[in-house]
Amino acid sequence: MSIRIAFVLLTAASALFLWRLFKGPSVADRVIALDGLLIAVTCGILVETAREDSVTSLDTVLVVALVAFVGTGVMARYIERRGGE
């Protein structure tokens, strides 16, 4: 039951992050939305891993988390050099 609740909440969060990603209005809003979406995807993979009671997806989680971290850092630097919004 708690796994279903987690999936429903993560789906709702992902939908809201997608809405903010497409709606904007600034680049910073889109970066934050993309970072939140990647966090929700990471959490979804972790919930599925817990449901299956396996550790095979943990490498995928690590890669997604690293991509999110590096991507956010790169975009923050881009916004800083551009002069912000």
N, C-alpha and C. Protein backbone atom coordinates (compact mmCIF):
# COMPACT_ATOMS: atom_id res chain seq x y z
N MET A 1 0.82 -1.20 0.00
CA MET A 1 0.00 0.00 0.00
C MET A 1 0.87 1.27 0.00
N SER A 2 1.90 1.29 0.81
CA SER A 2 2.75 2.49 0.87
C SER A 2 3.54 2.68 -0.42
N ILE A 3 3.83 1.59 -1.12
CA ILE A 3 4.53 1.70 -2.41
C ILE A 3 3.62 2.41 -3.42
N ARG A 4 2.34 2.07 -3.43
CA ARG A 4 1.40 2.73 -4.34
C ARG A 4 1.28 4.21 -4.03
N ILE A 5 1.21 4.53 -2.75
CA ILE A 5 1.12 5.93 -2.35
C ILE A 5 2.36 6.69 -2.81
N ALA A 6 3.52 6.07 -2.65
CA ALA A 6 4.77 6.70 -3.08
C ALA A 6 4.76 6.94 -4.59
N PHE A 7 4.30 5.95 -5.35
CA PHE A 7 4.24 6.12 -6.81
C PHE A 7 3.25 7.21 -7.21
N VAL A 8 2.11 7.28 -6.54
CA VAL A 8 1.12 8.32 -6.85
C VAL A 8 1.70 9.71 -6.55
N LEU A 9 2.34 9.85 -5.41
CA LEU A 9 2.93 11.15 -5.05
C LEU A 9 4.07 11.53 -6.00
N LEU A 10 4.89 10.56 -6.37
CA LEU A 10 5.97 10.85 -7.31
C LEU A 10 5.44 11.20 -8.70
N THR A 11 4.36 10.55 -9.10
CA THR A 11 3.74 10.89 -10.38
C THR A 11 3.18 12.30 -10.36
N ALA A 12 2.52 12.66 -9.27
CA ALA A 12 1.98 14.01 -9.15
C ALA A 12 3.10 15.05 -9.15
N ALA A 13 4.16 14.76 -8.41
CA ALA A 13 5.30 15.68 -8.37
C ALA A 13 5.94 15.81 -9.76
N SER A 14 6.07 14.70 -10.46
CA SER A 14 6.66 14.74 -11.80
C SER A 14 5.80 15.55 -12.76
N ALA A 15 4.48 15.40 -12.65
CA ALA A 15 3.59 16.19 -13.50
C ALA A 15 3.74 17.68 -13.23
N LEU A 16 3.84 18.05 -11.97
CA LEU A 16 4.02 19.46 -11.63
C LEU A 16 5.37 19.99 -12.09
N PHE A 17 6.41 19.17 -11.95
CA PHE A 17 7.73 19.58 -12.44
C PHE A 17 7.72 19.74 -13.96
N LEU A 18 7.05 18.84 -14.66
CA LEU A 18 6.96 18.96 -16.12
C LEU A 18 6.20 20.23 -16.52
N TRP A 19 5.15 20.53 -15.79
CA TRP A 19 4.40 21.75 -16.08
C TRP A 19 5.29 22.98 -15.92
N ARG A 20 6.05 23.02 -14.83
CA ARG A 20 6.95 24.16 -14.59
C ARG A 20 8.07 24.18 -15.62
N LEU A 21 8.53 23.01 -16.05
CA LEU A 21 9.60 22.94 -17.04
C LEU A 21 9.15 23.56 -18.36
N PHE A 22 7.93 23.30 -18.78
CA PHE A 22 7.44 23.83 -20.05
C PHE A 22 6.90 25.26 -19.91
N LYS A 23 6.36 25.58 -18.75
CA LYS A 23 5.74 26.89 -18.54
C LYS A 23 6.79 27.98 -18.31
N GLY A 24 7.84 27.66 -17.58
CA GLY A 24 8.89 28.65 -17.33
C GLY A 24 8.58 29.53 -16.13
N PRO A 25 8.68 30.79 -16.19
CA PRO A 25 8.98 31.67 -17.31
C PRO A 25 10.47 31.92 -17.52
N SER A 26 11.30 31.68 -16.52
CA SER A 26 12.73 31.98 -16.68
C SER A 26 13.53 30.69 -16.83
N VAL A 27 14.77 30.87 -17.23
CA VAL A 27 15.66 29.72 -17.37
C VAL A 27 15.91 29.08 -16.01
N ALA A 28 16.03 29.90 -14.97
CA ALA A 28 16.26 29.37 -13.62
C ALA A 28 15.10 28.50 -13.17
N ASP A 29 13.87 28.89 -13.49
CA ASP A 29 12.71 28.07 -13.16
C ASP A 29 12.78 26.72 -13.86
N ARG A 30 13.20 26.74 -15.11
CA ARG A 30 13.30 25.49 -15.87
C ARG A 30 14.40 24.59 -15.32
N VAL A 31 15.51 25.17 -14.90
CA VAL A 31 16.60 24.39 -14.32
C VAL A 31 16.15 23.73 -13.02
N ILE A 32 15.48 24.48 -12.18
CA ILE A 32 14.99 23.93 -10.91
C ILE A 32 13.96 22.84 -11.17
N ALA A 33 13.09 23.05 -12.16
CA ALA A 33 12.08 22.04 -12.49
C ALA A 33 12.73 20.77 -13.02
N LEU A 34 13.75 20.91 -13.86
CA LEU A 34 14.44 19.74 -14.39
C LEU A 34 15.16 18.99 -13.28
N ASP A 35 15.78 19.72 -12.36
CA ASP A 35 16.45 19.09 -11.24
C ASP A 35 15.44 18.34 -10.36
N GLY A 36 14.31 18.96 -10.09
CA GLY A 36 13.28 18.29 -9.31
C GLY A 36 12.73 17.07 -10.01
N LEU A 37 12.58 17.15 -11.34
CA LEU A 37 12.10 16.00 -12.11
C LEU A 37 13.09 14.85 -12.04
N LEU A 38 14.37 15.16 -12.14
CA LEU A 38 15.38 14.10 -12.03
C LEU A 38 15.41 13.50 -10.63
N ILE A 39 15.17 14.30 -9.62
CA ILE A 39 15.08 13.77 -8.26
C ILE A 39 13.87 12.85 -8.12
N ALA A 40 12.75 13.24 -8.71
CA ALA A 40 11.55 12.40 -8.67
C ALA A 40 11.78 11.08 -9.41
N VAL A 41 12.47 11.14 -10.54
CA VAL A 41 12.79 9.91 -11.28
C VAL A 41 13.70 9.02 -10.44
N THR A 42 14.70 9.63 -9.81
CA THR A 42 15.59 8.87 -8.94
C THR A 42 14.83 8.20 -7.81
N CYS A 43 13.94 8.93 -7.19
CA CYS A 43 13.13 8.36 -6.11
C CYS A 43 12.22 7.26 -6.62
N GLY A 44 11.67 7.43 -7.81
CA GLY A 44 10.84 6.39 -8.40
C GLY A 44 11.61 5.11 -8.64
N ILE A 45 12.83 5.24 -9.14
CA ILE A 45 13.67 4.06 -9.34
C ILE A 45 13.98 3.40 -8.00
N LEU A 46 14.24 4.20 -6.97
CA LEU A 46 14.52 3.64 -5.65
C LEU A 46 13.30 2.94 -5.06
N VAL A 47 12.12 3.50 -5.26
CA VAL A 47 10.90 2.85 -4.76
C VAL A 47 10.68 1.53 -5.48
N GLU A 48 10.90 1.52 -6.79
CA GLU A 48 10.76 0.27 -7.55
C GLU A 48 11.80 -0.76 -7.10
N THR A 49 13.00 -0.31 -6.81
CA THR A 49 14.04 -1.21 -6.31
C THR A 49 13.63 -1.79 -4.96
N ALA A 50 13.05 -0.98 -4.11
CA ALA A 50 12.58 -1.47 -2.81
C ALA A 50 11.42 -2.45 -2.99
N ARG A 51 10.55 -2.18 -3.95
CA ARG A 51 9.41 -3.07 -4.19
C ARG A 51 9.88 -4.44 -4.68
N GLU A 52 10.90 -4.44 -5.55
CA GLU A 52 11.44 -5.69 -6.06
C GLU A 52 12.38 -6.37 -5.08
N ASP A 53 12.80 -5.65 -4.06
CA ASP A 53 13.75 -6.15 -3.07
C ASP A 53 15.05 -6.62 -3.73
N SER A 54 15.58 -5.75 -4.58
CA SER A 54 16.84 -6.05 -5.25
C SER A 54 17.71 -4.79 -5.25
N VAL A 55 18.95 -4.97 -5.65
CA VAL A 55 19.87 -3.84 -5.69
C VAL A 55 20.41 -3.60 -7.09
N THR A 56 19.77 -4.19 -8.09
CA THR A 56 20.30 -4.10 -9.45
C THR A 56 20.15 -2.70 -10.05
N SER A 57 19.22 -1.92 -9.59
CA SER A 57 18.98 -0.59 -10.16
C SER A 57 19.79 0.51 -9.49
N LEU A 58 20.56 0.18 -8.50
CA LEU A 58 21.28 1.22 -7.77
C LEU A 58 22.34 1.92 -8.62
N ASP A 59 22.92 1.20 -9.58
CA ASP A 59 23.86 1.85 -10.49
C ASP A 59 23.17 2.91 -11.33
N THR A 60 21.97 2.59 -11.78
CA THR A 60 21.19 3.56 -12.56
C THR A 60 20.87 4.79 -11.73
N VAL A 61 20.51 4.58 -10.47
CA VAL A 61 20.20 5.70 -9.58
C VAL A 61 21.43 6.59 -9.41
N LEU A 62 22.57 5.99 -9.25
CA LEU A 62 23.80 6.75 -9.09
C LEU A 62 24.09 7.60 -10.33
N VAL A 63 23.92 7.03 -11.50
CA VAL A 63 24.17 7.76 -12.74
C VAL A 63 23.18 8.92 -12.90
N VAL A 64 21.90 8.67 -12.64
CA VAL A 64 20.89 9.74 -12.75
C VAL A 64 21.19 10.86 -11.76
N ALA A 65 21.58 10.51 -10.54
CA ALA A 65 21.89 11.52 -9.54
C ALA A 65 23.12 12.35 -9.95
N LEU A 66 24.13 11.69 -10.49
CA LEU A 66 25.31 12.42 -10.94
C LEU A 66 25.00 13.34 -12.12
N VAL A 67 24.18 12.86 -13.06
CA VAL A 67 23.79 13.69 -14.20
C VAL A 67 23.01 14.91 -13.71
N ALA A 68 22.11 14.70 -12.75
CA ALA A 68 21.33 15.82 -12.21
C ALA A 68 22.25 16.83 -11.53
N PHE A 69 23.19 16.35 -10.75
CA PHE A 69 24.10 17.24 -10.04
C PHE A 69 24.96 18.05 -11.01
N VAL A 70 25.58 17.37 -11.96
CA VAL A 70 26.45 18.06 -12.91
C VAL A 70 25.63 19.00 -13.80
N GLY A 71 24.48 18.56 -14.24
CA GLY A 71 23.63 19.40 -15.08
C GLY A 71 23.20 20.67 -14.38
N THR A 72 22.83 20.56 -13.12
CA THR A 72 22.43 21.74 -12.36
C THR A 72 23.61 22.70 -12.18
N GLY A 73 24.77 22.15 -11.91
CA GLY A 73 25.96 23.00 -11.78
C GLY A 73 26.31 23.72 -13.06
N VAL A 74 26.23 23.01 -14.18
CA VAL A 74 26.53 23.62 -15.48
C VAL A 74 25.53 24.71 -15.81
N MET A 75 24.26 24.44 -15.58
CA MET A 75 23.24 25.45 -15.88
C MET A 75 23.35 26.66 -14.95
N ALA A 76 23.70 26.44 -13.70
CA ALA A 76 23.89 27.56 -12.78
C ALA A 76 25.04 28.45 -13.25
N ARG A 77 26.09 27.83 -13.72
CA ARG A 77 27.21 28.60 -14.25
C ARG A 77 26.81 29.37 -15.51
N TYR A 78 26.01 28.74 -16.35
CA TYR A 78 25.52 29.40 -17.57
C TYR A 78 24.67 30.62 -17.21
N ILE A 79 23.78 30.45 -16.25
CA ILE A 79 22.92 31.57 -15.84
C ILE A 79 23.76 32.69 -15.23
N GLU A 80 24.77 32.31 -14.45
CA GLU A 80 25.63 33.32 -13.82
C GLU A 80 26.39 34.12 -14.87
N ARG A 81 26.95 33.45 -15.85
CA ARG A 81 27.71 34.14 -16.89
C ARG A 81 26.82 34.98 -17.80
N ARG A 82 25.61 34.54 -17.96
CA ARG A 82 24.66 35.25 -18.81
C ARG A 82 24.15 36.52 -18.14
N GLY A 83 24.27 36.57 -16.84
CA GLY A 83 23.82 37.75 -16.12
C GLY A 83 22.52 37.54 -15.37
N GLY A 84 22.05 36.30 -15.31
CA GLY A 84 20.82 36.01 -14.59
C GLY A 84 19.60 36.52 -15.32
N GLU A 85 18.47 36.29 -14.68
CA GLU A 85 17.20 36.76 -15.25
C GLU A 85 16.35 37.35 -14.17
